Amino acid sequence: MSTYPHLEQLIETMAILRGENGCEWDREQTHESLVKYLIEEAHELVDAIESGDRVEMREEIGDVLYQLLFHADIARMDPADPFDIDDVARVANEKMRRRHPHVFGDVSVDSVDEIKANWQKLKAEEKKDRSSVLDGVPSSLQGIARTKAVIERAARINQHPDVSSSASFDSEEQLGHELLALVKRAGELGLDSDRALREATKAFEKTVRETETGQAG
């Protein structure tokens, strides 16, 4: 008997909806057409988590799960390279066990920092085809989230943006007010905050890649 009967029922529901006698709309969907829904559902889950609403959180986790099952079922029907949700779970399970040798192997660690370092080392070994530490930052990631990811990736090779700030803050609340003030001031000056950050981040990315190329040479 399954440990998760409702999960199996949801997988079956998806198969029925996308089956011959199911829903025409569901059958017509592709990976590409569903991207906007996946992003929307992920944002709704973030809202539920940050609000602390457990009922809403359970529902939104379900909506994100459903989107993942949707993509897996589309992949299952691919004529050239099919895979299903169990293949997805197998790959994820293998990766998690491989990335946690201190739990599933014989590696000893003394701190969370060592765990993170081991993770990055193992990830680098698995992604040997990547030529830059910035490879793998999603192209769809935008705004502050992208800038943060780029800064964190660059720090792995001791590269940091040559910037400074006179703003004073020691909490997220104060930081939020400072960011709000910057966006407000930018608007008053007729400047586009999003574009400004995007261009500054691109310039830093260019510097990092050029530095890597120079180091490789």
C-alpha atoms as a PDB file:
ATOM      1  CA  MET A   1       0.000   0.000   0.000  1.00  0.00           C
ATOM      2  CA  SER A   2       1.337   3.446  -0.924  1.00  0.00           C
ATOM      3  CA  THR A   3       2.643   5.726   1.807  1.00  0.00           C
ATOM      4  CA  TYR A   4       1.295   8.675  -0.173  1.00  0.00           C
ATOM      5  CA  PRO A   5      -2.018   7.530  -1.715  1.00  0.00           C
ATOM      6  CA  HIS A   6      -3.224  11.063  -2.454  1.00  0.00           C
ATOM      7  CA  LEU A   7      -0.039  11.846  -4.361  1.00  0.00           C
ATOM      8  CA  GLU A   8      -0.604   8.788  -6.545  1.00  0.00           C
ATOM      9  CA  GLN A   9      -4.225   9.881  -7.054  1.00  0.00           C
ATOM     10  CA  LEU A  10      -3.067  13.334  -8.145  1.00  0.00           C
ATOM     11  CA  ILE A  11      -0.667  11.779 -10.654  1.00  0.00           C
ATOM     12  CA  GLU A  12      -3.557   9.643 -11.942  1.00  0.00           C
ATOM     13  CA  THR A  13      -5.811  12.706 -12.148  1.00  0.00           C
ATOM     14  CA  MET A  14      -3.212  14.456 -14.283  1.00  0.00           C
ATOM     15  CA  ALA A  15      -2.941  11.445 -16.604  1.00  0.00           C
ATOM     16  CA  ILE A  16      -6.735  11.320 -16.980  1.00  0.00           C
ATOM     17  CA  LEU A  17      -7.029  15.034 -17.682  1.00  0.00           C
ATOM     18  CA  ARG A  18      -4.375  14.806 -20.385  1.00  0.00           C
ATOM     19  CA  GLY A  19      -5.691  11.507 -21.717  1.00  0.00           C
ATOM     20  CA  GLU A  20      -7.844  10.824 -24.761  1.00  0.00           C
ATOM     21  CA  ASN A  21     -11.127  11.408 -22.926  1.00  0.00           C
ATOM     22  CA  GLY A  22      -9.828  14.147 -20.660  1.00  0.00           C
ATOM     23  CA  CYS A  23      -9.630  17.925 -20.957  1.00  0.00           C
ATOM     24  CA  GLU A  24      -8.842  19.461 -24.341  1.00  0.00           C
ATOM     25  CA  TRP A  25      -7.104  22.470 -22.758  1.00  0.00           C
ATOM     26  CA  ASP A  26      -4.849  20.248 -20.642  1.00  0.00           C
ATOM     27  CA  ARG A  27      -3.918  18.146 -23.675  1.00  0.00           C
ATOM     28  CA  GLU A  28      -2.922  21.250 -25.653  1.00  0.00           C
ATOM     29  CA  GLN A  29      -0.457  22.583 -23.084  1.00  0.00           C
ATOM     30  CA  THR A  30       3.306  22.531 -23.609  1.00  0.00           C
ATOM     31  CA  HIS A  31       6.300  23.193 -21.360  1.00  0.00           C
ATOM     32  CA  GLU A  32       6.508  26.664 -22.885  1.00  0.00           C
ATOM     33  CA  SER A  33       2.831  27.547 -22.476  1.00  0.00           C
ATOM     34  CA  LEU A  34       2.914  26.586 -18.781  1.00  0.00           C
ATOM     35  CA  VAL A  35       5.932  28.674 -17.783  1.00  0.00           C
ATOM     36  CA  LYS A  36       3.844  31.710 -16.816  1.00  0.00           C
ATOM     37  CA  TYR A  37       1.660  29.578 -14.549  1.00  0.00           C
ATOM     38  CA  LEU A  38       4.668  27.997 -12.840  1.00  0.00           C
ATOM     39  CA  ILE A  39       6.135  31.428 -12.110  1.00  0.00           C
ATOM     40  CA  GLU A  40       2.792  32.744 -10.877  1.00  0.00           C
ATOM     41  CA  GLU A  41       2.183  29.765  -8.590  1.00  0.00           C
ATOM     42  CA  ALA A  42       5.714  30.011  -7.183  1.00  0.00           C
ATOM     43  CA  HIS A  43       5.140  33.672  -6.318  1.00  0.00           C
ATOM     44  CA  GLU A  44       1.813  32.842  -4.696  1.00  0.00           C
ATOM     45  CA  LEU A  45       3.565  30.220  -2.558  1.00  0.00           C
ATOM     46  CA  VAL A  46       6.133  32.820  -1.476  1.00  0.00           C
ATOM     47  CA  ASP A  47       3.283  35.127  -0.456  1.00  0.00           C
ATOM     48  CA  ALA A  48       1.672  32.343   1.583  1.00  0.00           C
ATOM     49  CA  ILE A  49       4.957  31.501   3.320  1.00  0.00           C
ATOM     50  CA  GLU A  50       5.680  35.125   4.177  1.00  0.00           C
ATOM     51  CA  SER A  51       2.141  35.663   5.468  1.00  0.00           C
ATOM     52  CA  GLY A  52       2.417  32.646   7.773  1.00  0.00           C
ATOM     53  CA  ASP A  53      -0.970  31.351   6.597  1.00  0.00           C
ATOM     54  CA  ARG A  54      -0.660  27.571   6.945  1.00  0.00           C
ATOM     55  CA  VAL A  55      -3.927  26.808   5.133  1.00  0.00           C
ATOM     56  CA  GLU A  56      -2.911  28.998   2.213  1.00  0.00           C
ATOM     57  CA  MET A  57       0.593  27.538   2.253  1.00  0.00           C
ATOM     58  CA  ARG A  58      -0.728  23.988   1.936  1.00  0.00           C
ATOM     59  CA  GLU A  59      -2.887  24.984  -1.023  1.00  0.00           C
ATOM     60  CA  GLU A  60      -0.099  26.885  -2.788  1.00  0.00           C
ATOM     61  CA  ILE A  61       2.415  24.059  -2.292  1.00  0.00           C
ATOM     62  CA  GLY A  62      -0.209  21.873  -3.963  1.00  0.00           C
ATOM     63  CA  ASP A  63      -0.530  24.283  -6.877  1.00  0.00           C
ATOM     64  CA  VAL A  64       3.249  24.298  -7.412  1.00  0.00           C
ATOM     65  CA  LEU A  65       3.311  20.489  -7.137  1.00  0.00           C
ATOM     66  CA  TYR A  66       0.541  20.271  -9.725  1.00  0.00           C
ATOM     67  CA  GLN A  67       2.536  22.411 -12.133  1.00  0.00           C
ATOM     68  CA  LEU A  68       5.543  20.113 -11.719  1.00  0.00           C
ATOM     69  CA  LEU A  69       3.376  17.042 -12.337  1.00  0.00           C
ATOM     70  CA  PHE A  70       1.963  18.807 -15.408  1.00  0.00           C
ATOM     71  CA  HIS A  71       5.450  19.256 -16.850  1.00  0.00           C
ATOM     72  CA  ALA A  72       6.365  15.675 -15.983  1.00  0.00           C
ATOM     73  CA  ASP A  73       3.298  14.336 -17.761  1.00  0.00           C
ATOM     74  CA  ILE A  74       4.070  16.389 -20.861  1.00  0.00           C
ATOM     75  CA  ALA A  75       7.607  14.963 -20.754  1.00  0.00           C
ATOM     76  CA  ARG A  76       6.163  11.457 -20.405  1.00  0.00           C
ATOM     77  CA  MET A  77       4.420  11.858 -23.755  1.00  0.00           C
ATOM     78  CA  ASP A  78       7.453  13.198 -25.610  1.00  0.00           C
ATOM     79  CA  PRO A  79       8.073  10.932 -28.636  1.00  0.00           C
ATOM     80  CA  ALA A  80      11.826  11.559 -28.825  1.00  0.00           C
ATOM     81  CA  ASP A  81      13.006  11.664 -25.208  1.00  0.00           C
ATOM     82  CA  PRO A  82      10.269  10.622 -22.764  1.00  0.00           C
ATOM     83  CA  PHE A  83      10.631  10.592 -18.979  1.00  0.00           C
ATOM     84  CA  ASP A  84       8.056  10.565 -16.189  1.00  0.00           C
ATOM     85  CA  ILE A  85       7.710  11.851 -12.635  1.00  0.00           C
ATOM     86  CA  ASP A  86       9.435   8.751 -11.245  1.00  0.00           C
ATOM     87  CA  ASP A  87      12.459   9.437 -13.444  1.00  0.00           C
ATOM     88  CA  VAL A  88      12.469  13.000 -12.124  1.00  0.00           C
ATOM     89  CA  ALA A  89      12.306  11.733  -8.529  1.00  0.00           C
ATOM     90  CA  ARG A  90      15.094   9.227  -9.180  1.00  0.00           C
ATOM     91  CA  VAL A  91      17.443  11.863 -10.582  1.00  0.00           C
ATOM     92  CA  ALA A  92      16.662  14.260  -7.727  1.00  0.00           C
ATOM     93  CA  ASN A  93      17.170  11.544  -5.125  1.00  0.00           C
ATOM     94  CA  GLU A  94      20.492  10.476  -6.613  1.00  0.00           C
ATOM     95  CA  LYS A  95      21.674  14.098  -6.694  1.00  0.00           C
ATOM     96  CA  MET A  96      20.685  14.807  -3.082  1.00  0.00           C
ATOM     97  CA  ARG A  97      22.410  11.687  -1.801  1.00  0.00           C
ATOM     98  CA  ARG A  98      25.496  12.455  -3.883  1.00  0.00           C
ATOM     99  CA  ARG A  99      25.577  16.061  -2.637  1.00  0.00           C
ATOM    100  CA  HIS A 100      25.303  14.982   1.030  1.00  0.00           C
ATOM    101  CA  PRO A 101      28.281  12.623   1.482  1.00  0.00           C
ATOM    102  CA  HIS A 102      28.434  13.555   5.181  1.00  0.00           C
ATOM    103  CA  VAL A 103      25.043  11.869   5.588  1.00  0.00           C
ATOM    104  CA  PHE A 104      25.040   9.123   2.952  1.00  0.00           C
ATOM    105  CA  GLY A 105      28.794   8.598   2.646  1.00  0.00           C
ATOM    106  CA  ASP A 106      31.907   8.581   4.789  1.00  0.00           C
ATOM    107  CA  VAL A 107      32.783  12.301   4.634  1.00  0.00           C
ATOM    108  CA  SER A 108      33.213  14.056   7.979  1.00  0.00           C
ATOM    109  CA  VAL A 109      32.303  17.715   8.454  1.00  0.00           C
ATOM    110  CA  ASP A 110      32.589  20.066  11.420  1.00  0.00           C
ATOM    111  CA  SER A 111      30.423  22.977  10.319  1.00  0.00           C
ATOM    112  CA  VAL A 112      27.716  24.196   7.981  1.00  0.00           C
ATOM    113  CA  ASP A 113      30.411  26.096   6.078  1.00  0.00           C
ATOM    114  CA  GLU A 114      32.133  22.782   5.297  1.00  0.00           C
ATOM    115  CA  ILE A 115      28.824  21.335   4.126  1.00  0.00           C
ATOM    116  CA  LYS A 116      28.343  24.293   1.754  1.00  0.00           C
ATOM    117  CA  ALA A 117      31.928  24.013   0.508  1.00  0.00           C
ATOM    118  CA  ASN A 118      31.501  20.303  -0.202  1.00  0.00           C
ATOM    119  CA  TRP A 119      28.247  21.011  -2.033  1.00  0.00           C
ATOM    120  CA  GLN A 120      29.906  23.579  -4.302  1.00  0.00           C
ATOM    121  CA  LYS A 121      32.880  21.283  -4.941  1.00  0.00           C
ATOM    122  CA  LEU A 122      30.637  18.383  -5.912  1.00  0.00           C
ATOM    123  CA  LYS A 123      28.467  20.647  -8.057  1.00  0.00           C
ATOM    124  CA  ALA A 124      31.550  21.973  -9.882  1.00  0.00           C
ATOM    125  CA  GLU A 125      32.674  18.399 -10.599  1.00  0.00           C
ATOM    126  CA  GLU A 126      29.242  17.574 -12.025  1.00  0.00           C
ATOM    127  CA  LYS A 127      29.126  20.740 -14.159  1.00  0.00           C
ATOM    128  CA  LYS A 128      32.573  20.535 -15.725  1.00  0.00           C
ATOM    129  CA  ASP A 129      31.237  21.869 -19.019  1.00  0.00           C
ATOM    130  CA  ARG A 130      30.657  25.287 -17.463  1.00  0.00           C
ATOM    131  CA  SER A 131      33.317  27.836 -18.366  1.00  0.00           C
ATOM    132  CA  SER A 132      32.299  30.508 -15.865  1.00  0.00           C
ATOM    133  CA  VAL A 133      31.211  30.649 -12.255  1.00  0.00           C
ATOM    134  CA  LEU A 134      28.248  32.663 -13.563  1.00  0.00           C
ATOM    135  CA  ASP A 135      27.074  29.867 -15.852  1.00  0.00           C
ATOM    136  CA  GLY A 136      23.855  28.468 -14.471  1.00  0.00           C
ATOM    137  CA  VAL A 137      22.382  31.755 -13.235  1.00  0.00           C
ATOM    138  CA  PRO A 138      18.911  31.532 -14.843  1.00  0.00           C
ATOM    139  CA  SER A 139      18.407  33.995 -17.685  1.00  0.00           C
ATOM    140  CA  SER A 140      14.828  34.519 -16.460  1.00  0.00           C
ATOM    141  CA  LEU A 141      16.052  35.662 -13.047  1.00  0.00           C
ATOM    142  CA  GLN A 142      15.746  39.438 -12.887  1.00  0.00           C
ATOM    143  CA  GLY A 143      16.065  42.429 -10.590  1.00  0.00           C
ATOM    144  CA  ILE A 144      17.610  42.198  -7.155  1.00  0.00           C
ATOM    145  CA  ALA A 145      17.351  38.397  -7.209  1.00  0.00           C
ATOM    146  CA  ARG A 146      19.666  38.216 -10.229  1.00  0.00           C
ATOM    147  CA  THR A 147      22.096  40.771  -8.822  1.00  0.00           C
ATOM    148  CA  LYS A 148      22.283  38.838  -5.553  1.00  0.00           C
ATOM    149  CA  ALA A 149      22.913  35.559  -7.383  1.00  0.00           C
ATOM    150  CA  VAL A 150      25.670  37.108  -9.517  1.00  0.00           C
ATOM    151  CA  ILE A 151      27.401  38.659  -6.483  1.00  0.00           C
ATOM    152  CA  GLU A 152      27.278  35.368  -4.565  1.00  0.00           C
ATOM    153  CA  ARG A 153      28.613  33.376  -7.538  1.00  0.00           C
ATOM    154  CA  ALA A 154      31.428  35.864  -8.173  1.00  0.00           C
ATOM    155  CA  ALA A 155      32.455  35.770  -4.508  1.00  0.00           C
ATOM    156  CA  ARG A 156      33.396  32.105  -4.976  1.00  0.00           C
ATOM    157  CA  ILE A 157      36.386  33.250  -7.033  1.00  0.00           C
ATOM    158  CA  ASN A 158      36.984  36.283  -4.819  1.00  0.00           C
ATOM    159  CA  GLN A 159      35.458  38.740  -7.279  1.00  0.00           C
ATOM    160  CA  HIS A 160      33.393  41.569  -5.819  1.00  0.00           C
ATOM    161  CA  PRO A 161      31.680  44.585  -7.359  1.00  0.00           C
ATOM    162  CA  ASP A 162      33.675  47.778  -6.935  1.00  0.00           C
ATOM    163  CA  VAL A 163      30.874  49.738  -5.277  1.00  0.00           C
ATOM    164  CA  SER A 164      30.191  51.408  -1.947  1.00  0.00           C
ATOM    165  CA  SER A 165      27.200  52.910  -0.181  1.00  0.00           C
ATOM    166  CA  SER A 166      26.804  55.540   2.507  1.00  0.00           C
ATOM    167  CA  ALA A 167      23.401  54.186   3.511  1.00  0.00           C
ATOM    168  CA  SER A 168      23.172  53.016   7.113  1.00  0.00           C
ATOM    169  CA  PHE A 169      21.056  50.018   8.086  1.00  0.00           C
ATOM    170  CA  ASP A 170      21.326  46.925  10.268  1.00  0.00           C
ATOM    171  CA  SER A 171      17.965  45.245   9.668  1.00  0.00           C
ATOM    172  CA  GLU A 172      15.842  44.186   6.715  1.00  0.00           C
ATOM    173  CA  GLU A 173      13.257  46.782   7.708  1.00  0.00           C
ATOM    174  CA  GLN A 174      15.796  49.581   7.502  1.00  0.00           C
ATOM    175  CA  LEU A 175      17.207  48.151   4.270  1.00  0.00           C
ATOM    176  CA  GLY A 176      13.708  48.080   2.826  1.00  0.00           C
ATOM    177  CA  HIS A 177      13.239  51.753   3.629  1.00  0.00           C
ATOM    178  CA  GLU A 178      16.584  52.609   2.043  1.00  0.00           C
ATOM    179  CA  LEU A 179      15.697  50.707  -1.152  1.00  0.00           C
ATOM    180  CA  LEU A 180      12.276  52.342  -1.221  1.00  0.00           C
ATOM    181  CA  ALA A 181      13.888  55.764  -0.861  1.00  0.00           C
ATOM    182  CA  LEU A 182      16.325  55.018  -3.702  1.00  0.00           C
ATOM    183  CA  VAL A 183      13.549  53.929  -6.050  1.00  0.00           C
ATOM    184  CA  LYS A 184      11.501  57.003  -5.111  1.00  0.00           C
ATOM    185  CA  ARG A 185      14.455  59.336  -5.707  1.00  0.00           C
ATOM    186  CA  ALA A 186      15.259  57.643  -9.011  1.00  0.00           C
ATOM    187  CA  GLY A 187      11.680  58.184 -10.169  1.00  0.00           C
ATOM    188  CA  GLU A 188      11.838  61.859  -9.229  1.00  0.00           C
ATOM    189  CA  LEU A 189      14.957  62.181 -11.381  1.00  0.00           C
ATOM    190  CA  GLY A 190      13.314  60.360 -14.284  1.00  0.00           C
ATOM    191  CA  LEU A 191      15.587  57.325 -13.924  1.00  0.00           C
ATOM    192  CA  ASP A 192      14.565  53.686 -14.404  1.00  0.00           C
ATOM    193  CA  SER A 193      15.611  51.756 -11.288  1.00  0.00           C
ATOM    194  CA  ASP A 194      15.146  48.341 -12.876  1.00  0.00           C
ATOM    195  CA  ARG A 195      17.167  49.222 -15.950  1.00  0.00           C
ATOM    196  CA  ALA A 196      19.889  50.868 -13.871  1.00  0.00           C
ATOM    197  CA  LEU A 197      20.348  47.765 -11.717  1.00  0.00           C
ATOM    198  CA  ARG A 198      20.150  45.494 -14.755  1.00  0.00           C
ATOM    199  CA  GLU A 199      22.874  47.400 -16.581  1.00  0.00           C
ATOM    200  CA  ALA A 200      25.120  47.597 -13.513  1.00  0.00           C
ATOM    201  CA  THR A 201      24.750  43.857 -12.987  1.00  0.00           C
ATOM    202  CA  LYS A 202      25.540  43.153 -16.653  1.00  0.00           C
ATOM    203  CA  ALA A 203      28.684  45.285 -16.371  1.00  0.00           C
ATOM    204  CA  PHE A 204      29.802  43.355 -13.298  1.00  0.00           C
ATOM    205  CA  GLU A 205      29.088  40.045 -15.025  1.00  0.00           C
ATOM    206  CA  LYS A 206      31.216  41.185 -17.963  1.00  0.00           C
ATOM    207  CA  THR A 207      34.069  42.064 -15.591  1.00  0.00           C
ATOM    208  CA  VAL A 208      33.861  38.688 -13.855  1.00  0.00           C
ATOM    209  CA  ARG A 209      33.930  36.762 -17.147  1.00  0.00           C
ATOM    210  CA  GLU A 210      36.826  38.821 -18.464  1.00  0.00           C
ATOM    211  CA  THR A 211      38.741  38.187 -15.244  1.00  0.00           C
ATOM    212  CA  GLU A 212      38.079  34.458 -15.530  1.00  0.00           C
ATOM    213  CA  THR A 213      39.287  34.461 -19.132  1.00  0.00           C
ATOM    214  CA  GLY A 214      42.449  36.254 -18.074  1.00  0.00           C
ATOM    215  CA  GLN A 215      43.057  33.808 -15.246  1.00  0.00           C
ATOM    216  CA  ALA A 216      42.513  30.871 -17.608  1.00  0.00           C
ATOM    217  CA  GLY A 217      44.988  32.353 -20.050  1.00  0.00           C
END
